Protein backbone atom coordinates (compact mmCIF):
# COMPACT_ATOMS: atom_id res chain seq x y z
CA MET A 1 8.08 -8.48 -4.38
CA LEU A 2 9.09 -5.92 -1.78
CA ARG A 3 8.38 -6.50 1.95
CA VAL A 4 7.30 -3.31 3.91
CA GLU A 5 7.94 -3.38 7.61
CA GLY A 6 7.12 -0.99 10.56
CA ARG A 7 5.27 2.34 9.93
CA VAL A 8 4.42 3.87 6.57
CA THR A 9 4.63 7.59 7.96
CA ASP A 10 6.29 10.72 7.50
CA GLY A 11 9.70 10.34 5.62
CA TRP A 12 9.17 6.79 5.11
CA VAL A 13 6.30 7.38 2.57
CA GLU A 14 8.76 9.17 0.14
CA GLU A 15 11.34 6.31 0.68
CA LEU A 16 8.65 3.77 -0.18
CA ARG A 17 7.75 5.89 -3.27
CA ARG A 18 11.41 5.96 -4.32
CA THR A 19 12.02 2.33 -3.62
CA CYS A 20 9.01 1.46 -5.81
CA GLU A 21 10.35 3.77 -8.53
CA LEU A 22 13.97 2.18 -8.41
CA GLN A 23 12.31 -1.35 -8.54
CA GLY A 24 10.98 -0.43 -11.97
CA LEU A 25 7.49 0.82 -11.50
CA SER A 26 7.95 3.66 -13.82
CA ASP A 27 9.10 1.16 -16.51
CA GLY A 28 5.68 -0.83 -16.33
CA ILE A 29 7.17 -3.62 -14.28
CA ARG A 30 4.35 -5.21 -11.94
CA LEU A 31 5.14 -4.81 -8.33
CA THR A 32 3.93 -6.72 -5.11
CA LEU A 33 4.27 -5.15 -1.71
CA ASP A 34 3.93 -7.48 1.08
CA LEU A 35 2.20 -5.46 4.11
CA ALA A 36 2.18 -8.33 6.70
CA ASP A 37 4.67 -6.38 8.94
CA VAL A 38 3.35 -2.99 8.65
CA ALA A 39 1.99 -1.79 12.00
CA PHE A 40 0.56 1.60 11.05
CA VAL A 41 0.03 3.79 8.00
CA ASP A 42 -0.79 7.55 8.41
CA ALA A 43 -2.96 9.60 5.87
CA ALA A 44 0.19 10.17 3.63
CA GLY A 45 1.09 6.45 3.74
CA THR A 46 -2.63 5.47 3.01
CA GLU A 47 -2.60 8.04 0.00
CA LEU A 48 0.50 6.41 -1.46
CA LEU A 49 -0.62 2.85 -1.02
CA ASN A 50 -3.81 3.81 -2.99
CA GLU A 51 -1.84 5.53 -5.55
CA LEU A 52 0.27 2.72 -5.93
CA ARG A 53 -2.68 0.26 -6.21
CA HIS A 54 -4.15 2.28 -8.99
CA ARG A 55 -0.63 2.08 -10.66
CA ARG A 56 -1.14 -1.67 -10.76
CA VAL A 57 0.98 -2.51 -7.69
CA THR A 58 -0.50 -5.65 -5.78
CA LEU A 59 -0.79 -5.19 -2.06
CA ILE A 60 -0.90 -8.35 -0.10
CA ASN A 61 -1.39 -9.41 3.66
CA PRO A 62 -2.22 -6.22 5.21
CA THR A 63 -2.83 -6.44 9.04
CA ALA A 64 -6.45 -5.82 10.22
CA LEU A 65 -5.57 -2.23 11.17
CA VAL A 66 -3.87 -1.34 7.71
CA ALA A 67 -6.72 -3.06 5.92
CA GLU A 68 -9.28 -0.82 7.93
CA GLN A 69 -7.23 2.34 7.02
CA LEU A 70 -7.21 1.56 3.40
CA LYS A 71 -10.91 0.72 3.34
CA ASP A 72 -11.59 4.01 4.82
CA ALA A 73 -9.42 5.74 2.64
CA ALA A 74 -11.14 3.98 -0.46
CA SER A 75 -14.64 4.80 0.79
CA GLY A 76 -13.81 8.49 0.83
CA ASP A 77 -12.74 8.36 -2.89
CA GLY A 78 -15.78 6.79 -3.99
CA ALA A 79 -14.20 3.42 -4.72
CA HIS A 80 -15.27 0.15 -3.13
CA LYS A 81 -12.43 -2.22 -2.67
CA ASP A 82 -12.07 -5.56 -0.60
CA TYR A 83 -9.37 -5.08 1.86
CA SER A 84 -9.51 -8.21 3.78
CA SER A 85 -6.56 -8.66 6.29
CA ALA A 86 -5.65 -11.95 4.54
CA GLY A 87 -4.44 -12.28 1.02
CA GLU A 88 -4.34 -9.85 -1.90
CA ILE A 89 -6.15 -6.44 -1.90
CA SER A 90 -8.43 -6.39 -4.72
């Protein structure tokens, strides 16, 4: 499990992508990202988190703001996902 903190914006988006790849994502290893300490996600960060979710990365414990950002992004791609601010994003 990886714990993500702060803001997922700008250069940090690519840093998170690289970190996930280094943890074995490209080798098919299942990853979990704990988003409890993420304060904000910009459009690029939201896109990355949705991409990671589609690659079978489990996202857990998003704050209410982050959960809403992910929900808004998911509704834009026609997908319906439950992004509650507690627990796992399904």
